[in-house]
C-alpha atoms as a PDB file:
ATOM      1  CA  MET A   1       1.954 -20.101  -3.256  1.00  0.00           C
ATOM      2  CA  VAL A   2       5.228 -18.796  -3.078  1.00  0.00           C
ATOM      3  CA  GLY A   3       5.669 -20.161   0.770  1.00  0.00           C
ATOM      4  CA  ASN A   4       9.540 -21.043   0.229  1.00  0.00           C
ATOM      5  CA  PHE A   5      10.244 -17.546  -0.381  1.00  0.00           C
ATOM      6  CA  GLY A   6      10.402 -14.845   2.542  1.00  0.00           C
ATOM      7  CA  MET A   7       8.569 -11.659   2.805  1.00  0.00           C
ATOM      8  CA  VAL A   8      11.688  -9.809   1.760  1.00  0.00           C
ATOM      9  CA  ASP A   9      12.235 -11.792  -1.303  1.00  0.00           C
ATOM     10  CA  ILE A  10       8.957 -11.297  -2.560  1.00  0.00           C
ATOM     11  CA  ALA A  11       8.809  -7.816  -1.808  1.00  0.00           C
ATOM     12  CA  ALA A  12      12.409  -6.952  -3.302  1.00  0.00           C
ATOM     13  CA  SER A  13      11.660  -8.928  -6.583  1.00  0.00           C
ATOM     14  CA  ARG A  14       8.835  -6.856  -7.258  1.00  0.00           C
ATOM     15  CA  PHE A  15      10.462  -3.646  -6.574  1.00  0.00           C
ATOM     16  CA  ALA A  16      13.785  -4.846  -8.668  1.00  0.00           C
ATOM     17  CA  VAL A  17      11.293  -5.591 -11.677  1.00  0.00           C
ATOM     18  CA  PHE A  18       9.598  -2.018 -11.214  1.00  0.00           C
ATOM     19  CA  GLY A  19      12.750  -0.397 -11.332  1.00  0.00           C
ATOM     20  CA  ALA A  20      14.225  -2.307 -14.383  1.00  0.00           C
ATOM     21  CA  VAL A  21      10.786  -1.278 -16.247  1.00  0.00           C
ATOM     22  CA  ALA A  22      10.776   2.160 -15.107  1.00  0.00           C
ATOM     23  CA  GLY A  23      14.911   2.382 -16.511  1.00  0.00           C
ATOM     24  CA  LEU A  24      13.844   0.825 -19.407  1.00  0.00           C
ATOM     25  CA  ALA A  25      10.810   3.325 -19.847  1.00  0.00           C
ATOM     26  CA  LEU A  26      13.326   6.280 -19.373  1.00  0.00           C
ATOM     27  CA  PHE A  27      15.412   5.881 -22.656  1.00  0.00           C
ATOM     28  CA  THR A  28      11.787   6.139 -24.390  1.00  0.00           C
ATOM     29  CA  ARG A  29      11.097   9.537 -23.042  1.00  0.00           C
ATOM     30  CA  PRO A  30      12.626  12.971 -24.784  1.00  0.00           C
ATOM     31  CA  ALA A  31      16.126  13.294 -23.935  1.00  0.00           C
ATOM     32  CA  ALA A  32      15.593  16.661 -22.211  1.00  0.00           C
ATOM     33  CA  THR A  33      13.174  15.353 -19.361  1.00  0.00           C
ATOM     34  CA  ARG A  34      14.555  12.264 -19.236  1.00  0.00           C
ATOM     35  CA  TRP A  35      16.885  12.413 -16.126  1.00  0.00           C
ATOM     36  CA  PRO A  36      15.705  14.184 -12.753  1.00  0.00           C
ATOM     37  CA  THR A  37      17.769  16.786 -11.274  1.00  0.00           C
ATOM     38  CA  LEU A  38      19.847  16.173  -7.682  1.00  0.00           C
ATOM     39  CA  ARG A  39      16.818  17.510  -5.787  1.00  0.00           C
ATOM     40  CA  GLN A  40      14.058  15.650  -7.939  1.00  0.00           C
ATOM     41  CA  ALA A  41      15.937  12.527  -7.249  1.00  0.00           C
ATOM     42  CA  ALA A  42      16.210  13.179  -3.558  1.00  0.00           C
ATOM     43  CA  ALA A  43      12.210  13.892  -3.394  1.00  0.00           C
ATOM     44  CA  ALA A  44      11.812  10.446  -5.449  1.00  0.00           C
ATOM     45  CA  LEU A  45      14.240   8.264  -3.026  1.00  0.00           C
ATOM     46  CA  GLY A  46      12.467   9.629  -0.217  1.00  0.00           C
ATOM     47  CA  LEU A  47       8.553   9.088  -1.582  1.00  0.00           C
ATOM     48  CA  SER A  48      10.009   5.430  -2.945  1.00  0.00           C
ATOM     49  CA  VAL A  49      10.542   4.765   0.804  1.00  0.00           C
ATOM     50  CA  LEU A  50       7.132   5.796   2.212  1.00  0.00           C
ATOM     51  CA  GLY A  51       4.819   4.587  -0.465  1.00  0.00           C
ATOM     52  CA  PHE A  52       6.963   1.351  -1.782  1.00  0.00           C
ATOM     53  CA  THR A  53       9.722  -0.173  -0.100  1.00  0.00           C
ATOM     54  CA  GLY A  54       9.024   0.692   3.179  1.00  0.00           C
ATOM     55  CA  TYR A  55       5.365   0.266   3.191  1.00  0.00           C
ATOM     56  CA  TYR A  56       5.157  -2.778   1.264  1.00  0.00           C
ATOM     57  CA  VAL A  57       7.511  -4.561   4.294  1.00  0.00           C
ATOM     58  CA  PHE A  58       5.748  -3.221   7.071  1.00  0.00           C
ATOM     59  CA  LEU A  59       2.439  -4.410   5.595  1.00  0.00           C
ATOM     60  CA  ALA A  60       3.833  -7.936   4.506  1.00  0.00           C
ATOM     61  CA  PHE A  61       5.404  -8.644   8.091  1.00  0.00           C
ATOM     62  CA  ALA A  62       1.975  -6.990   9.609  1.00  0.00           C
ATOM     63  CA  ILE A  63      -0.128  -9.754   7.920  1.00  0.00           C
ATOM     64  CA  VAL A  64       2.261 -12.569   9.014  1.00  0.00           C
ATOM     65  CA  ALA A  65       1.635 -11.620  12.347  1.00  0.00           C
ATOM     66  CA  ALA A  66      -2.029 -10.669  12.533  1.00  0.00           C
ATOM     67  CA  GLY A  67      -3.304 -12.116   9.471  1.00  0.00           C
ATOM     68  CA  THR A  68      -4.907 -10.494   6.478  1.00  0.00           C
ATOM     69  CA  GLU A  69      -8.248  -9.061   7.515  1.00  0.00           C
ATOM     70  CA  VAL A  70      -7.547  -6.608  10.216  1.00  0.00           C
ATOM     71  CA  PRO A  71      -4.324  -5.373   8.347  1.00  0.00           C
ATOM     72  CA  SER A  72      -6.403  -4.850   5.762  1.00  0.00           C
ATOM     73  CA  LEU A  73      -8.966  -2.322   7.143  1.00  0.00           C
ATOM     74  CA  ILE A  74      -6.447  -0.527   9.026  1.00  0.00           C
ATOM     75  CA  ILE A  75      -4.568   0.031   5.491  1.00  0.00           C
ATOM     76  CA  GLY A  76      -8.434   0.745   4.219  1.00  0.00           C
ATOM     77  CA  THR A  77      -8.544   3.929   6.283  1.00  0.00           C
ATOM     78  CA  ILE A  78      -5.853   5.523   4.626  1.00  0.00           C
ATOM     79  CA  PRO A  79      -8.921   7.345   2.373  1.00  0.00           C
ATOM     80  CA  VAL A  80     -10.207   8.736   5.638  1.00  0.00           C
ATOM     81  CA  TRP A  81      -6.623  10.025   6.741  1.00  0.00           C
ATOM     82  CA  MET A  82      -5.953  11.624   3.016  1.00  0.00           C
ATOM     83  CA  MET A  83      -9.755  13.357   3.613  1.00  0.00           C
ATOM     84  CA  LEU A  84      -9.001  14.537   6.760  1.00  0.00           C
ATOM     85  CA  LEU A  85      -5.349  15.628   6.224  1.00  0.00           C
ATOM     86  CA  GLY A  86      -5.724  16.796   2.558  1.00  0.00           C
ATOM     87  CA  ARG A  87      -9.190  18.225   2.731  1.00  0.00           C
ATOM     88  CA  PRO A  88     -10.197  21.343   0.814  1.00  0.00           C
ATOM     89  CA  ALA A  89     -11.253  24.355   2.198  1.00  0.00           C
ATOM     90  CA  GLY A  90     -14.659  24.955   3.260  1.00  0.00           C
ATOM     91  CA  LEU A  91     -15.290  21.044   4.242  1.00  0.00           C
ATOM     92  CA  ARG A  92     -16.156  21.164   7.917  1.00  0.00           C
ATOM     93  CA  MET A  93     -14.647  18.490  10.110  1.00  0.00           C
ATOM     94  CA  THR A  94     -18.709  18.042  11.652  1.00  0.00           C
ATOM     95  CA  ALA A  95     -19.447  16.853   8.080  1.00  0.00           C
ATOM     96  CA  LEU A  96     -17.104  14.336   8.183  1.00  0.00           C
ATOM     97  CA  LEU A  97     -17.813  12.682  11.801  1.00  0.00           C
ATOM     98  CA  PRO A  98     -20.698  10.228  10.623  1.00  0.00           C
ATOM     99  CA  GLY A  99     -18.385   8.459   8.228  1.00  0.00           C
ATOM    100  CA  LEU A 100     -15.427   8.407  10.650  1.00  0.00           C
ATOM    101  CA  ALA A 101     -17.260   6.921  13.591  1.00  0.00           C
ATOM    102  CA  LEU A 102     -18.875   4.378  11.098  1.00  0.00           C
ATOM    103  CA  THR A 103     -15.548   3.576   9.767  1.00  0.00           C
ATOM    104  CA  ALA A 104     -14.073   3.189  13.257  1.00  0.00           C
ATOM    105  CA  LEU A 105     -16.613   0.798  14.420  1.00  0.00           C
ATOM    106  CA  GLY A 106     -16.111  -1.664  11.605  1.00  0.00           C
ATOM    107  CA  ILE A 107     -12.572  -1.572  12.262  1.00  0.00           C
ATOM    108  CA  GLY A 108     -13.066  -2.337  16.013  1.00  0.00           C
ATOM    109  CA  LEU A 109     -15.469  -5.365  15.491  1.00  0.00           C
ATOM    110  CA  MET A 110     -13.125  -6.571  13.246  1.00  0.00           C
ATOM    111  CA  VAL A 111     -10.285  -6.301  15.379  1.00  0.00           C
ATOM    112  CA  ALA A 112     -12.394  -7.911  18.803  1.00  0.00           C
ATOM    113  CA  GLY A 113     -13.508 -10.639  16.136  1.00  0.00           C
ATOM    114  CA  ALA A 114     -10.070 -11.688  15.281  1.00  0.00           C
ATOM    115  CA  TRP A 115      -8.085 -11.110  18.587  1.00  0.00           C
ATOM    116  CA  PRO A 116      -6.383 -14.235  19.802  1.00  0.00           C
ATOM    117  CA  ASP A 117      -7.445 -16.329  23.232  1.00  0.00           C
ATOM    118  CA  SER A 118      -5.262 -16.286  25.700  1.00  0.00           C
ATOM    119  CA  ALA A 119      -4.649 -20.133  25.931  1.00  0.00           C
ATOM    120  CA  ASP A 120      -1.228 -19.704  24.493  1.00  0.00           C
ATOM    121  CA  GLY A 121      -0.207 -17.961  27.718  1.00  0.00           C
ATOM    122  CA  GLY A 122      -0.718 -14.699  26.009  1.00  0.00           C
ATOM    123  CA  GLN A 123       1.771 -15.137  22.733  1.00  0.00           C
ATOM    124  CA  GLY A 124      -0.458 -15.116  20.444  1.00  0.00           C
ATOM    125  CA  ALA A 125      -2.086 -11.704  21.544  1.00  0.00           C
ATOM    126  CA  ALA A 126       1.331 -10.678  21.812  1.00  0.00           C
ATOM    127  CA  LEU A 127       2.117 -11.359  17.714  1.00  0.00           C
ATOM    128  CA  TYR A 128      -1.281 -10.065  17.075  1.00  0.00           C
ATOM    129  CA  GLY A 129      -0.804  -6.952  18.867  1.00  0.00           C
ATOM    130  CA  ARG A 130       2.861  -6.417  16.893  1.00  0.00           C
ATOM    131  CA  GLY A 131       0.923  -6.946  13.552  1.00  0.00           C
ATOM    132  CA  LEU A 132      -1.657  -4.161  14.629  1.00  0.00           C
ATOM    133  CA  LEU A 133       1.236  -1.956  15.566  1.00  0.00           C
ATOM    134  CA  LEU A 134       2.972  -2.574  12.083  1.00  0.00           C
ATOM    135  CA  ALA A 135       0.122  -2.159  10.187  1.00  0.00           C
ATOM    136  CA  LEU A 136      -0.455   1.149  11.599  1.00  0.00           C
ATOM    137  CA  VAL A 137       2.894   1.955  10.673  1.00  0.00           C
ATOM    138  CA  ALA A 138       2.392   0.849   7.109  1.00  0.00           C
ATOM    139  CA  MET A 139      -1.049   3.046   6.969  1.00  0.00           C
ATOM    140  CA  ALA A 140       0.667   6.116   8.322  1.00  0.00           C
ATOM    141  CA  SER A 141       3.902   5.464   5.579  1.00  0.00           C
ATOM    142  CA  TRP A 142       1.507   5.283   2.696  1.00  0.00           C
ATOM    143  CA  THR A 143      -0.877   8.121   4.005  1.00  0.00           C
ATOM    144  CA  ALA A 144       2.311  10.258   4.154  1.00  0.00           C
ATOM    145  CA  TYR A 145       3.111   9.501   0.513  1.00  0.00           C
ATOM    146  CA  GLY A 146      -0.136   9.873  -0.965  1.00  0.00           C
ATOM    147  CA  LEU A 147      -0.185  13.757   0.722  1.00  0.00           C
ATOM    148  CA  LEU A 148       3.212  14.689  -0.050  1.00  0.00           C
ATOM    149  CA  ASN A 149       3.326  13.125  -3.594  1.00  0.00           C
ATOM    150  CA  ALA A 150       0.351  14.827  -4.620  1.00  0.00           C
ATOM    151  CA  ALA A 151       1.681  18.086  -3.203  1.00  0.00           C
ATOM    152  CA  TRP A 152       4.592  17.786  -5.060  1.00  0.00           C
ATOM    153  CA  LEU A 153       3.176  16.953  -8.494  1.00  0.00           C
ATOM    154  CA  ARG A 154       0.904  19.907  -7.795  1.00  0.00           C
ATOM    155  CA  ARG A 155       4.071  22.205  -7.213  1.00  0.00           C
ATOM    156  CA  HIS A 156       5.705  20.737 -10.199  1.00  0.00           C
ATOM    157  CA  THR A 157       3.324  20.820 -12.915  1.00  0.00           C
ATOM    158  CA  GLU A 158       6.267  20.887 -15.671  1.00  0.00           C
ATOM    159  CA  ILE A 159       6.820  17.310 -14.511  1.00  0.00           C
ATOM    160  CA  ASP A 160       5.213  14.762 -16.825  1.00  0.00           C
ATOM    161  CA  ALA A 161       3.340  12.005 -14.403  1.00  0.00           C
ATOM    162  CA  THR A 162       5.303   9.029 -16.655  1.00  0.00           C
ATOM    163  CA  ASP A 163       8.574  10.852 -15.948  1.00  0.00           C
ATOM    164  CA  TRP A 164       7.810  10.964 -12.351  1.00  0.00           C
ATOM    165  CA  ALA A 165       6.665   7.360 -11.940  1.00  0.00           C
ATOM    166  CA  ASN A 166       9.653   6.204 -14.015  1.00  0.00           C
ATOM    167  CA  TRP A 167      12.158   8.196 -11.392  1.00  0.00           C
ATOM    168  CA  LEU A 168      10.076   6.643  -8.312  1.00  0.00           C
ATOM    169  CA  GLY A 169      10.569   3.464 -10.355  1.00  0.00           C
ATOM    170  CA  VAL A 170      14.196   3.489 -10.148  1.00  0.00           C
ATOM    171  CA  ALA A 171      14.317   4.862  -6.807  1.00  0.00           C
ATOM    172  CA  THR A 172      12.331   2.278  -5.405  1.00  0.00           C
ATOM    173  CA  GLY A 173      14.092  -0.591  -7.505  1.00  0.00           C
ATOM    174  CA  LEU A 174      17.433   0.683  -5.631  1.00  0.00           C
ATOM    175  CA  GLY A 175      15.619   0.401  -2.553  1.00  0.00           C
ATOM    176  CA  GLY A 176      14.326  -3.244  -3.271  1.00  0.00           C
ATOM    177  CA  LEU A 177      17.777  -4.456  -3.689  1.00  0.00           C
ATOM    178  CA  LEU A 178      18.882  -2.846  -0.635  1.00  0.00           C
ATOM    179  CA  ILE A 179      16.286  -4.669   1.332  1.00  0.00           C
ATOM    180  CA  TRP A 180      17.218  -7.995  -0.213  1.00  0.00           C
ATOM    181  CA  LEU A 181      21.077  -7.727   0.445  1.00  0.00           C
ATOM    182  CA  ALA A 182      20.268  -6.781   4.236  1.00  0.00           C
ATOM    183  CA  GLY A 183      17.551  -9.648   4.422  1.00  0.00           C
ATOM    184  CA  GLY A 184      16.968 -11.651   1.636  1.00  0.00           C
ATOM    185  CA  SER A 185      17.937 -15.118   0.653  1.00  0.00           C
ATOM    186  CA  SER A 186      20.787 -16.100  -1.722  1.00  0.00           C
ATOM    187  CA  VAL A 187      20.394 -16.541  -5.176  1.00  0.00           C
ATOM    188  CA  GLU A 188      21.445 -20.095  -5.047  1.00  0.00           C
ATOM    189  CA  THR A 189      18.563 -20.467  -2.170  1.00  0.00           C
ATOM    190  CA  MET A 190      15.947 -19.297  -4.519  1.00  0.00           C
ATOM    191  CA  ARG A 191      17.013 -20.877  -7.609  1.00  0.00           C
ATOM    192  CA  VAL A 192      16.400 -24.194  -6.407  1.00  0.00           C
ATOM    193  CA  GLN A 193      12.782 -23.859  -4.825  1.00  0.00           C
ATOM    194  CA  SER A 194      10.495 -25.682  -6.936  1.00  0.00           C
ATOM    195  CA  ASN A 195       8.075 -23.034  -7.670  1.00  0.00           C
ATOM    196  CA  VAL A 196      10.452 -20.550  -8.734  1.00  0.00           C
ATOM    197  CA  GLY A 197       8.693 -20.053 -12.127  1.00  0.00           C
ATOM    198  CA  LEU A 198       5.589 -18.882 -10.194  1.00  0.00           C
ATOM    199  CA  PHE A 199       7.562 -16.846  -7.947  1.00  0.00           C
ATOM    200  CA  VAL A 200       8.987 -14.912 -11.035  1.00  0.00           C
ATOM    201  CA  LEU A 201       5.522 -14.710 -12.747  1.00  0.00           C
ATOM    202  CA  LEU A 202       4.434 -13.139  -9.533  1.00  0.00           C
ATOM    203  CA  ALA A 203       7.240 -10.589  -9.234  1.00  0.00           C
ATOM    204  CA  LEU A 204       6.711  -9.622 -13.071  1.00  0.00           C
ATOM    205  CA  ALA A 205       2.815  -8.945 -12.686  1.00  0.00           C
ATOM    206  CA  GLY A 206       3.673  -7.102  -9.262  1.00  0.00           C
ATOM    207  CA  GLY A 207       6.472  -4.939 -11.070  1.00  0.00           C
ATOM    208  CA  VAL A 208       4.887  -4.070 -13.826  1.00  0.00           C
ATOM    209  CA  GLY A 209       1.045  -4.019 -12.808  1.00  0.00           C
ATOM    210  CA  SER A 210       0.801  -3.100  -9.428  1.00  0.00           C
ATOM    211  CA  SER A 211       3.697  -1.148  -9.420  1.00  0.00           C
ATOM    212  CA  TRP A 212       5.049   0.494 -12.725  1.00  0.00           C
ATOM    213  CA  LEU A 213       1.454   0.879 -14.354  1.00  0.00           C
ATOM    214  CA  ALA A 214      -0.276   1.692 -11.374  1.00  0.00           C
ATOM    215  CA  THR A 215       1.936   4.391 -10.489  1.00  0.00           C
ATOM    216  CA  VAL A 216       1.924   6.161 -13.649  1.00  0.00           C
ATOM    217  CA  LEU A 217      -2.053   5.895 -13.298  1.00  0.00           C
ATOM    218  CA  TRP A 218      -2.090   7.145  -9.711  1.00  0.00           C
ATOM    219  CA  ASN A 219       0.396  10.341 -10.506  1.00  0.00           C
ATOM    220  CA  VAL A 220      -2.269  11.299 -13.434  1.00  0.00           C
ATOM    221  CA  ALA A 221      -4.936  11.310 -10.861  1.00  0.00           C
ATOM    222  CA  SER A 222      -3.095  12.862  -8.445  1.00  0.00           C
ATOM    223  CA  GLN A 223      -2.342  15.641 -10.737  1.00  0.00           C
ATOM    224  CA  ARG A 224      -5.963  16.167 -11.948  1.00  0.00           C
ATOM    225  CA  LEU A 225      -7.825  15.525  -8.446  1.00  0.00           C
ATOM    226  CA  PRO A 226      -7.713  16.944  -4.909  1.00  0.00           C
ATOM    227  CA  ALA A 227      -5.682  14.285  -2.370  1.00  0.00           C
ATOM    228  CA  SER A 228      -8.686  14.175  -0.247  1.00  0.00           C
ATOM    229  CA  LEU A 229     -10.864  12.698  -3.398  1.00  0.00           C
ATOM    230  CA  CYS A 230      -8.282  10.741  -4.874  1.00  0.00           C
ATOM    231  CA  GLY A 231      -7.899   8.438  -1.605  1.00  0.00           C
ATOM    232  CA  GLN A 232     -11.525   7.655  -1.607  1.00  0.00           C
ATOM    233  CA  LEU A 233     -10.238   5.060  -4.425  1.00  0.00           C
ATOM    234  CA  ILE A 234      -8.170   2.683  -2.199  1.00  0.00           C
ATOM    235  CA  VAL A 235     -11.333   1.578  -0.334  1.00  0.00           C
ATOM    236  CA  SER A 236     -11.613  -0.841  -3.600  1.00  0.00           C
ATOM    237  CA  GLU A 237      -8.073  -2.447  -2.153  1.00  0.00           C
ATOM    238  CA  THR A 238      -9.536  -3.186   1.080  1.00  0.00           C
ATOM    239  CA  LEU A 239     -12.642  -5.132  -0.393  1.00  0.00           C
ATOM    240  CA  PHE A 240     -10.528  -7.037  -2.674  1.00  0.00           C
ATOM    241  CA  ALA A 241      -8.097  -7.949   0.085  1.00  0.00           C
ATOM    242  CA  LEU A 242     -10.956  -9.096   2.117  1.00  0.00           C
ATOM    243  CA  PHE A 243     -12.275 -11.096  -0.648  1.00  0.00           C
ATOM    244  CA  TYR A 244      -8.958 -12.418  -1.317  1.00  0.00           C
ATOM    245  CA  SER A 245      -8.246 -13.275   2.502  1.00  0.00           C
ATOM    246  CA  PHE A 246     -11.683 -15.426   2.957  1.00  0.00           C
ATOM    247  CA  LEU A 247     -11.270 -17.034  -0.495  1.00  0.00           C
ATOM    248  CA  TRP A 248      -7.632 -17.992   0.439  1.00  0.00           C
ATOM    249  CA  ASP A 249      -9.102 -19.367   3.926  1.00  0.00           C
ATOM    250  CA  GLY A 250     -11.577 -21.375   2.222  1.00  0.00           C
ATOM    251  CA  ARG A 251     -14.544 -20.045   4.438  1.00  0.00           C
ATOM    252  CA  TRP A 252     -17.415 -17.888   4.449  1.00  0.00           C
ATOM    253  CA  PRO A 253     -16.957 -14.287   6.695  1.00  0.00           C
ATOM    254  CA  ARG A 254     -18.633 -14.631   9.899  1.00  0.00           C
ATOM    255  CA  THR A 255     -21.502 -12.389  10.812  1.00  0.00           C
ATOM    256  CA  ILE A 256     -19.134 -10.266  12.884  1.00  0.00           C
ATOM    257  CA  GLU A 257     -16.955  -9.975  10.095  1.00  0.00           C
ATOM    258  CA  LEU A 258     -19.779  -9.136   7.376  1.00  0.00           C
ATOM    259  CA  VAL A 259     -21.212  -6.503   9.654  1.00  0.00           C
ATOM    260  CA  ALA A 260     -17.724  -5.064  10.339  1.00  0.00           C
ATOM    261  CA  ALA A 261     -17.248  -4.995   6.661  1.00  0.00           C
ATOM    262  CA  ALA A 262     -20.465  -3.241   5.977  1.00  0.00           C
ATOM    263  CA  LEU A 263     -19.788  -0.517   8.437  1.00  0.00           C
ATOM    264  CA  PHE A 264     -16.470   0.175   6.804  1.00  0.00           C
ATOM    265  CA  VAL A 265     -17.663   0.593   3.623  1.00  0.00           C
ATOM    266  CA  LEU A 266     -20.766   2.693   4.894  1.00  0.00           C
ATOM    267  CA  GLY A 267     -18.144   5.177   6.502  1.00  0.00           C
ATOM    268  CA  ILE A 268     -15.946   5.314   3.138  1.00  0.00           C
ATOM    269  CA  LEU A 269     -19.046   6.120   1.241  1.00  0.00           C
ATOM    270  CA  ALA A 270     -20.382   8.624   3.708  1.00  0.00           C
ATOM    271  CA  SER A 271     -17.028  10.358   3.899  1.00  0.00           C
ATOM    272  CA  ILE A 272     -17.182  10.582   0.228  1.00  0.00           C
ATOM    273  CA  LYS A 273     -20.600  12.007   0.111  1.00  0.00           C
ATOM    274  CA  ALA A 274     -19.475  14.850   2.816  1.00  0.00           C
ATOM    275  CA  HIS A 275     -16.702  16.023   0.184  1.00  0.00           C
ATOM    276  CA  ARG A 276     -19.279  16.308  -2.323  1.00  0.00           C
END
């Protein structure tokens, strides 16, 4: 739908809107808590790279190289990693093994089903492998963000979740501007595109809904739930990503893809059951 715009343009526009909305929202907050200290600002800058600008750019280029299905499943393992790394005391690793095995098998089947053949001299396989690597980096980046963000909020209970989301938004907006200056299209190039109106609408929807509002709600959840349980909610993102991928391709999933998705979901459900 926005094929005339590059991945950097799409990411930067979304985060610029996030930063603008967060900046405006700051002025609705009490003056005493409106601005962060230098230490809080540094934490917001670092976490904004892990959870927003860095994560999104890595994931976007992973999708370009490897398609949507496999990167979606790799990102979908975030709940498992958050459970393993942020699991509460008393939760034994042995209880998580069934879920981990099902999840790994599901991802393995999806990777095997989507792996390109060697008819082009291996170039397709090399590009696909690069996409997998970028997806793994994106997964590690957001997992680190989820764990560190939850830990920071638990240590600073005096900080309101909305204030923290606004600080993250401003930091992310600055990061989005930097990546656009480094690798984005010029304003004139974007302005003359035929679908610039749709591009602006998607940037507004992504910046306000998927970024600012989602971050506020995520911060509230992070303050009230263990990181290991909060992370399980991300499984819905994976399922919707797979659904959208097949819808966009205009096809039904193949048998191996259906089996892989089912195993993946069963693995996440087993992990949640072990947590409870």
